[in-house]
Amino acid sequence: MADNNANTIRTTEQQRVKEITDKLEEGLKELFQSEKYKSYLNTMSKFHNYSFNNTLLIAMQKPEAKVWEKRMPKLSEEEKLAVEFD
């Protein structure tokens, strides 16, 4: 009787694990095929130096955001030399 109960419990646990695994696999398939994921990847490609959380926040709040570039003034060769000697 005890073996029968143990087998039933094991079977029930295995079924539950299979159900959870199937749901997880289906959810991942939907995620990777969705437009939201494509949008996230697009944002991630622009903000690759940012953390996962920050990239996710940017993707959620403003997916069309762009990286701010630091604009340095163009210096002539003479100006560069003057800076080096200062």
C-alpha atoms as a PDB file:
ATOM      1  CA  MET A   1       0.000   0.000   0.000  1.00  0.00           C
ATOM      2  CA  ALA A   2       2.835   2.397   0.886  1.00  0.00           C
ATOM      3  CA  ASP A   3       4.594   1.668  -2.441  1.00  0.00           C
ATOM      4  CA  ASN A   4       1.367   2.403  -4.311  1.00  0.00           C
ATOM      5  CA  ASN A   5       0.986   5.777  -2.553  1.00  0.00           C
ATOM      6  CA  ALA A   6       4.640   6.653  -3.179  1.00  0.00           C
ATOM      7  CA  ASN A   7       4.262   5.806  -6.892  1.00  0.00           C
ATOM      8  CA  THR A   8       1.089   7.900  -7.106  1.00  0.00           C
ATOM      9  CA  ILE A   9       2.803  10.865  -5.445  1.00  0.00           C
ATOM     10  CA  ARG A  10       5.833  10.505  -7.736  1.00  0.00           C
ATOM     11  CA  THR A  11       3.588  10.346 -10.814  1.00  0.00           C
ATOM     12  CA  THR A  12       1.640  13.403  -9.667  1.00  0.00           C
ATOM     13  CA  GLU A  13       4.870  15.347  -9.062  1.00  0.00           C
ATOM     14  CA  GLN A  14       6.202  14.326 -12.481  1.00  0.00           C
ATOM     15  CA  GLN A  15       2.968  15.450 -14.131  1.00  0.00           C
ATOM     16  CA  ARG A  16       3.122  18.771 -12.309  1.00  0.00           C
ATOM     17  CA  VAL A  17       6.755  19.323 -13.360  1.00  0.00           C
ATOM     18  CA  LYS A  18       5.821  18.485 -16.964  1.00  0.00           C
ATOM     19  CA  GLU A  19       2.898  20.955 -16.865  1.00  0.00           C
ATOM     20  CA  ILE A  20       5.141  23.709 -15.505  1.00  0.00           C
ATOM     21  CA  THR A  21       7.866  22.949 -18.060  1.00  0.00           C
ATOM     22  CA  ASP A  22       5.344  22.961 -20.926  1.00  0.00           C
ATOM     23  CA  LYS A  23       3.914  26.322 -19.787  1.00  0.00           C
ATOM     24  CA  LEU A  24       7.403  27.779 -19.483  1.00  0.00           C
ATOM     25  CA  GLU A  25       8.402  26.565 -22.952  1.00  0.00           C
ATOM     26  CA  GLU A  26       5.207  27.971 -24.480  1.00  0.00           C
ATOM     27  CA  GLY A  27       5.717  31.301 -22.733  1.00  0.00           C
ATOM     28  CA  LEU A  28       9.298  31.532 -24.002  1.00  0.00           C
ATOM     29  CA  LYS A  29       8.197  30.730 -27.555  1.00  0.00           C
ATOM     30  CA  GLU A  30       5.596  33.504 -27.386  1.00  0.00           C
ATOM     31  CA  LEU A  31       8.142  35.930 -25.926  1.00  0.00           C
ATOM     32  CA  PHE A  32      10.790  35.331 -28.575  1.00  0.00           C
ATOM     33  CA  GLN A  33       8.269  35.645 -31.408  1.00  0.00           C
ATOM     34  CA  SER A  34       6.582  38.788 -30.111  1.00  0.00           C
ATOM     35  CA  GLU A  35       7.076  42.375 -31.262  1.00  0.00           C
ATOM     36  CA  LYS A  36       7.898  43.388 -27.689  1.00  0.00           C
ATOM     37  CA  TYR A  37      10.960  41.148 -27.720  1.00  0.00           C
ATOM     38  CA  LYS A  38      12.068  42.564 -31.065  1.00  0.00           C
ATOM     39  CA  SER A  39      11.624  46.049 -29.637  1.00  0.00           C
ATOM     40  CA  TYR A  40      13.675  45.096 -26.572  1.00  0.00           C
ATOM     41  CA  LEU A  41      16.470  43.696 -28.752  1.00  0.00           C
ATOM     42  CA  ASN A  42      16.473  46.868 -30.825  1.00  0.00           C
ATOM     43  CA  THR A  43      16.785  48.974 -27.658  1.00  0.00           C
ATOM     44  CA  MET A  44      19.430  46.643 -26.265  1.00  0.00           C
ATOM     45  CA  SER A  45      21.509  47.036 -29.429  1.00  0.00           C
ATOM     46  CA  LYS A  46      21.618  50.802 -28.851  1.00  0.00           C
ATOM     47  CA  PHE A  47      22.260  50.603 -25.098  1.00  0.00           C
ATOM     48  CA  HIS A  48      24.576  47.589 -24.892  1.00  0.00           C
ATOM     49  CA  ASN A  49      26.656  49.131 -22.095  1.00  0.00           C
ATOM     50  CA  TYR A  50      23.616  49.579 -19.872  1.00  0.00           C
ATOM     51  CA  SER A  51      22.409  47.039 -17.307  1.00  0.00           C
ATOM     52  CA  PHE A  52      19.583  44.631 -18.104  1.00  0.00           C
ATOM     53  CA  ASN A  53      17.216  46.515 -15.787  1.00  0.00           C
ATOM     54  CA  ASN A  54      18.019  49.931 -17.269  1.00  0.00           C
ATOM     55  CA  THR A  55      17.688  48.616 -20.816  1.00  0.00           C
ATOM     56  CA  LEU A  56      14.350  47.068 -19.930  1.00  0.00           C
ATOM     57  CA  LEU A  57      13.134  50.353 -18.430  1.00  0.00           C
ATOM     58  CA  ILE A  58      14.190  52.251 -21.552  1.00  0.00           C
ATOM     59  CA  ALA A  59      12.453  49.691 -23.786  1.00  0.00           C
ATOM     60  CA  MET A  60       9.262  49.967 -21.753  1.00  0.00           C
ATOM     61  CA  GLN A  61       9.212  53.755 -21.388  1.00  0.00           C
ATOM     62  CA  LYS A  62      10.676  55.001 -24.659  1.00  0.00           C
ATOM     63  CA  PRO A  63      11.743  52.307 -27.134  1.00  0.00           C
ATOM     64  CA  GLU A  64      12.698  54.913 -29.749  1.00  0.00           C
ATOM     65  CA  ALA A  65      15.277  56.490 -27.387  1.00  0.00           C
ATOM     66  CA  LYS A  66      18.766  57.180 -28.655  1.00  0.00           C
ATOM     67  CA  VAL A  67      22.118  57.220 -26.919  1.00  0.00           C
ATOM     68  CA  TRP A  68      23.351  60.678 -26.047  1.00  0.00           C
ATOM     69  CA  GLU A  69      26.665  61.235 -27.680  1.00  0.00           C
ATOM     70  CA  LYS A  70      29.227  63.402 -25.991  1.00  0.00           C
ATOM     71  CA  ARG A  71      29.988  66.114 -28.477  1.00  0.00           C
ATOM     72  CA  MET A  72      33.590  67.149 -28.341  1.00  0.00           C
ATOM     73  CA  PRO A  73      34.629  70.166 -30.366  1.00  0.00           C
ATOM     74  CA  LYS A  74      36.815  69.427 -33.345  1.00  0.00           C
ATOM     75  CA  LEU A  75      40.308  70.712 -32.703  1.00  0.00           C
ATOM     76  CA  SER A  76      42.834  71.637 -35.323  1.00  0.00           C
ATOM     77  CA  GLU A  77      46.337  70.187 -35.152  1.00  0.00           C
ATOM     78  CA  GLU A  78      47.643  73.472 -33.711  1.00  0.00           C
ATOM     79  CA  GLU A  79      44.978  73.470 -31.005  1.00  0.00           C
ATOM     80  CA  LYS A  80      45.777  69.855 -30.143  1.00  0.00           C
ATOM     81  CA  LEU A  81      49.456  70.711 -29.770  1.00  0.00           C
ATOM     82  CA  ALA A  82      48.617  73.706 -27.598  1.00  0.00           C
ATOM     83  CA  VAL A  83      46.497  71.506 -25.336  1.00  0.00           C
ATOM     84  CA  GLU A  84      49.302  68.950 -25.042  1.00  0.00           C
ATOM     85  CA  PHE A  85      51.828  71.573 -23.921  1.00  0.00           C
ATOM     86  CA  ASP A  86      49.546  73.328 -21.427  1.00  0.00           C
END
